[in-house]
Amino acid sequence: MFEEPSSAQPSRDEDITARVEFTPAHVVAGWRVPPGAHRADTIKRGVLAFLEAGTGDMNPVEAIAHVAIGPVVAALGSLEVELADARARIAELEQALRERDDL
């Protein structure tokens, strides 16, 4: 009823593993960055350049974390500040419109 796998044929797991060989650079190159997201694109290009230059003794996955996390945190911080400023400007404009409409 059940067939034993022959040694001539790879098992299903071995077959899948043999076909899928992604390097860290392949994974990073696959990161989808929306058009106009200049900060994210800069971070992605920086990580790819770092991987192309070689990671030395460091594991490439750890290297990506070291190279990418700092810039991502800095970019997120900038976005938070910009969003807070935009919210404040919107509130000021809404207040000005209310005052104009009350006249």
C-alpha atoms as a PDB file:
ATOM      1  CA  MET A   1       0.000   0.000   0.000  1.00  0.00           C
ATOM      2  CA  PHE A   2       2.726   2.494   0.970  1.00  0.00           C
ATOM      3  CA  GLU A   3       5.860   2.666  -1.105  1.00  0.00           C
ATOM      4  CA  GLU A   4       9.205   3.114   0.539  1.00  0.00           C
ATOM      5  CA  PRO A   5      11.155   5.963  -1.013  1.00  0.00           C
ATOM      6  CA  SER A   6      13.991   4.661  -3.120  1.00  0.00           C
ATOM      7  CA  SER A   7      17.482   5.967  -2.582  1.00  0.00           C
ATOM      8  CA  ALA A   8      17.582   6.972  -6.266  1.00  0.00           C
ATOM      9  CA  GLN A   9      14.810   9.535  -5.803  1.00  0.00           C
ATOM     10  CA  PRO A  10      15.060  12.391  -3.313  1.00  0.00           C
ATOM     11  CA  SER A  11      12.311  12.631  -0.747  1.00  0.00           C
ATOM     12  CA  ARG A  12       9.740  15.348  -1.214  1.00  0.00           C
ATOM     13  CA  ASP A  13      11.407  17.494   1.488  1.00  0.00           C
ATOM     14  CA  GLU A  14      14.823  17.123  -0.125  1.00  0.00           C
ATOM     15  CA  ASP A  15      13.383  18.009  -3.534  1.00  0.00           C
ATOM     16  CA  ILE A  16      11.787  21.211  -2.233  1.00  0.00           C
ATOM     17  CA  THR A  17      14.895  22.241  -0.323  1.00  0.00           C
ATOM     18  CA  ALA A  18      17.116  21.678  -3.346  1.00  0.00           C
ATOM     19  CA  ARG A  19      14.977  23.953  -5.523  1.00  0.00           C
ATOM     20  CA  VAL A  20      14.637  26.830  -3.058  1.00  0.00           C
ATOM     21  CA  GLU A  21      17.967  28.500  -2.421  1.00  0.00           C
ATOM     22  CA  PHE A  22      17.478  32.086  -1.337  1.00  0.00           C
ATOM     23  CA  THR A  23      20.442  34.091  -0.212  1.00  0.00           C
ATOM     24  CA  PRO A  24      19.973  37.013   2.163  1.00  0.00           C
ATOM     25  CA  ALA A  25      20.575  39.307  -0.830  1.00  0.00           C
ATOM     26  CA  HIS A  26      17.695  37.617  -2.696  1.00  0.00           C
ATOM     27  CA  VAL A  27      15.414  38.187   0.264  1.00  0.00           C
ATOM     28  CA  VAL A  28      16.403  41.850   0.635  1.00  0.00           C
ATOM     29  CA  ALA A  29      16.070  42.437  -3.113  1.00  0.00           C
ATOM     30  CA  GLY A  30      12.508  41.116  -2.792  1.00  0.00           C
ATOM     31  CA  TRP A  31      11.502  43.694  -0.183  1.00  0.00           C
ATOM     32  CA  ARG A  32       8.669  45.681  -1.759  1.00  0.00           C
ATOM     33  CA  VAL A  33       9.251  49.391  -1.407  1.00  0.00           C
ATOM     34  CA  PRO A  34       6.432  51.619  -2.667  1.00  0.00           C
ATOM     35  CA  PRO A  35       7.275  54.255  -5.274  1.00  0.00           C
ATOM     36  CA  GLY A  36       8.195  57.505  -3.575  1.00  0.00           C
ATOM     37  CA  ALA A  37       9.357  55.829  -0.328  1.00  0.00           C
ATOM     38  CA  HIS A  38      12.827  57.320  -0.588  1.00  0.00           C
ATOM     39  CA  ARG A  39      13.961  56.551   2.950  1.00  0.00           C
ATOM     40  CA  ALA A  40      12.954  52.897   2.694  1.00  0.00           C
ATOM     41  CA  ASP A  41      14.592  52.603  -0.722  1.00  0.00           C
ATOM     42  CA  THR A  42      17.807  54.108   0.639  1.00  0.00           C
ATOM     43  CA  ILE A  43      17.845  51.598   3.505  1.00  0.00           C
ATOM     44  CA  LYS A  44      17.192  48.706   1.108  1.00  0.00           C
ATOM     45  CA  ARG A  45      19.967  49.821  -1.267  1.00  0.00           C
ATOM     46  CA  GLY A  46      22.334  50.216   1.686  1.00  0.00           C
ATOM     47  CA  VAL A  47      21.663  46.698   2.923  1.00  0.00           C
ATOM     48  CA  LEU A  48      22.153  45.274  -0.584  1.00  0.00           C
ATOM     49  CA  ALA A  49      25.436  47.167  -0.999  1.00  0.00           C
ATOM     50  CA  PHE A  50      26.598  45.878   2.386  1.00  0.00           C
ATOM     51  CA  LEU A  51      25.786  42.291   1.423  1.00  0.00           C
ATOM     52  CA  GLU A  52      27.553  42.672  -1.926  1.00  0.00           C
ATOM     53  CA  ALA A  53      30.660  43.979  -0.155  1.00  0.00           C
ATOM     54  CA  GLY A  54      30.637  40.947   2.128  1.00  0.00           C
ATOM     55  CA  THR A  55      29.760  40.537   5.766  1.00  0.00           C
ATOM     56  CA  GLY A  56      33.168  39.408   6.970  1.00  0.00           C
ATOM     57  CA  ASP A  57      32.945  36.977   9.862  1.00  0.00           C
ATOM     58  CA  MET A  58      29.363  37.974  10.600  1.00  0.00           C
ATOM     59  CA  ASN A  59      26.416  35.737   9.683  1.00  0.00           C
ATOM     60  CA  PRO A  60      24.635  37.519   6.791  1.00  0.00           C
ATOM     61  CA  VAL A  61      21.275  37.411   8.572  1.00  0.00           C
ATOM     62  CA  GLU A  62      22.755  39.015  11.697  1.00  0.00           C
ATOM     63  CA  ALA A  63      24.570  41.516   9.503  1.00  0.00           C
ATOM     64  CA  ILE A  64      21.285  42.568   7.895  1.00  0.00           C
ATOM     65  CA  ALA A  65      19.816  43.154  11.334  1.00  0.00           C
ATOM     66  CA  HIS A  66      22.780  45.287  12.387  1.00  0.00           C
ATOM     67  CA  VAL A  67      22.796  47.313   9.175  1.00  0.00           C
ATOM     68  CA  ALA A  68      19.044  47.742   8.721  1.00  0.00           C
ATOM     69  CA  ILE A  69      17.513  48.110  12.164  1.00  0.00           C
ATOM     70  CA  GLY A  70      19.284  51.351  13.092  1.00  0.00           C
ATOM     71  CA  PRO A  71      18.257  53.182   9.913  1.00  0.00           C
ATOM     72  CA  VAL A  72      14.719  51.803  10.156  1.00  0.00           C
ATOM     73  CA  VAL A  73      14.363  53.062  13.730  1.00  0.00           C
ATOM     74  CA  ALA A  74      15.747  56.484  12.717  1.00  0.00           C
ATOM     75  CA  ALA A  75      13.363  56.682   9.745  1.00  0.00           C
ATOM     76  CA  LEU A  76      10.412  55.658  11.917  1.00  0.00           C
ATOM     77  CA  GLY A  77      11.351  58.339  14.443  1.00  0.00           C
ATOM     78  CA  SER A  78      11.448  60.971  11.702  1.00  0.00           C
ATOM     79  CA  LEU A  79       8.068  59.861  10.417  1.00  0.00           C
ATOM     80  CA  GLU A  80       6.575  60.091  13.908  1.00  0.00           C
ATOM     81  CA  VAL A  81       7.836  63.661  14.310  1.00  0.00           C
ATOM     82  CA  GLU A  82       6.629  64.656  10.835  1.00  0.00           C
ATOM     83  CA  LEU A  83       3.211  63.107  11.502  1.00  0.00           C
ATOM     84  CA  ALA A  84       2.884  64.987  14.798  1.00  0.00           C
ATOM     85  CA  ASP A  85       3.806  68.250  13.019  1.00  0.00           C
ATOM     86  CA  ALA A  86       1.267  67.551  10.270  1.00  0.00           C
ATOM     87  CA  ARG A  87      -1.446  66.861  12.847  1.00  0.00           C
ATOM     88  CA  ALA A  88      -0.661  70.144  14.597  1.00  0.00           C
ATOM     89  CA  ARG A  89      -0.834  72.062  11.295  1.00  0.00           C
ATOM     90  CA  ILE A  90      -4.139  70.383  10.421  1.00  0.00           C
ATOM     91  CA  ALA A  91      -5.565  71.329  13.815  1.00  0.00           C
ATOM     92  CA  GLU A  92      -4.449  74.957  13.299  1.00  0.00           C
ATOM     93  CA  LEU A  93      -6.048  75.062   9.839  1.00  0.00           C
ATOM     94  CA  GLU A  94      -9.283  73.562  11.144  1.00  0.00           C
ATOM     95  CA  GLN A  95      -9.359  76.143  13.937  1.00  0.00           C
ATOM     96  CA  ALA A  96      -8.775  78.968  11.433  1.00  0.00           C
ATOM     97  CA  LEU A  97     -11.639  77.648   9.268  1.00  0.00           C
ATOM     98  CA  ARG A  98     -13.976  77.461  12.281  1.00  0.00           C
ATOM     99  CA  GLU A  99     -13.113  81.022  13.250  1.00  0.00           C
ATOM    100  CA  ARG A 100     -13.648  82.221   9.657  1.00  0.00           C
ATOM    101  CA  ASP A 101     -17.020  80.471   9.432  1.00  0.00           C
ATOM    102  CA  ASP A 102     -18.153  82.005  12.748  1.00  0.00           C
ATOM    103  CA  LEU A 103     -17.679  85.544  11.415  1.00  0.00           C
END
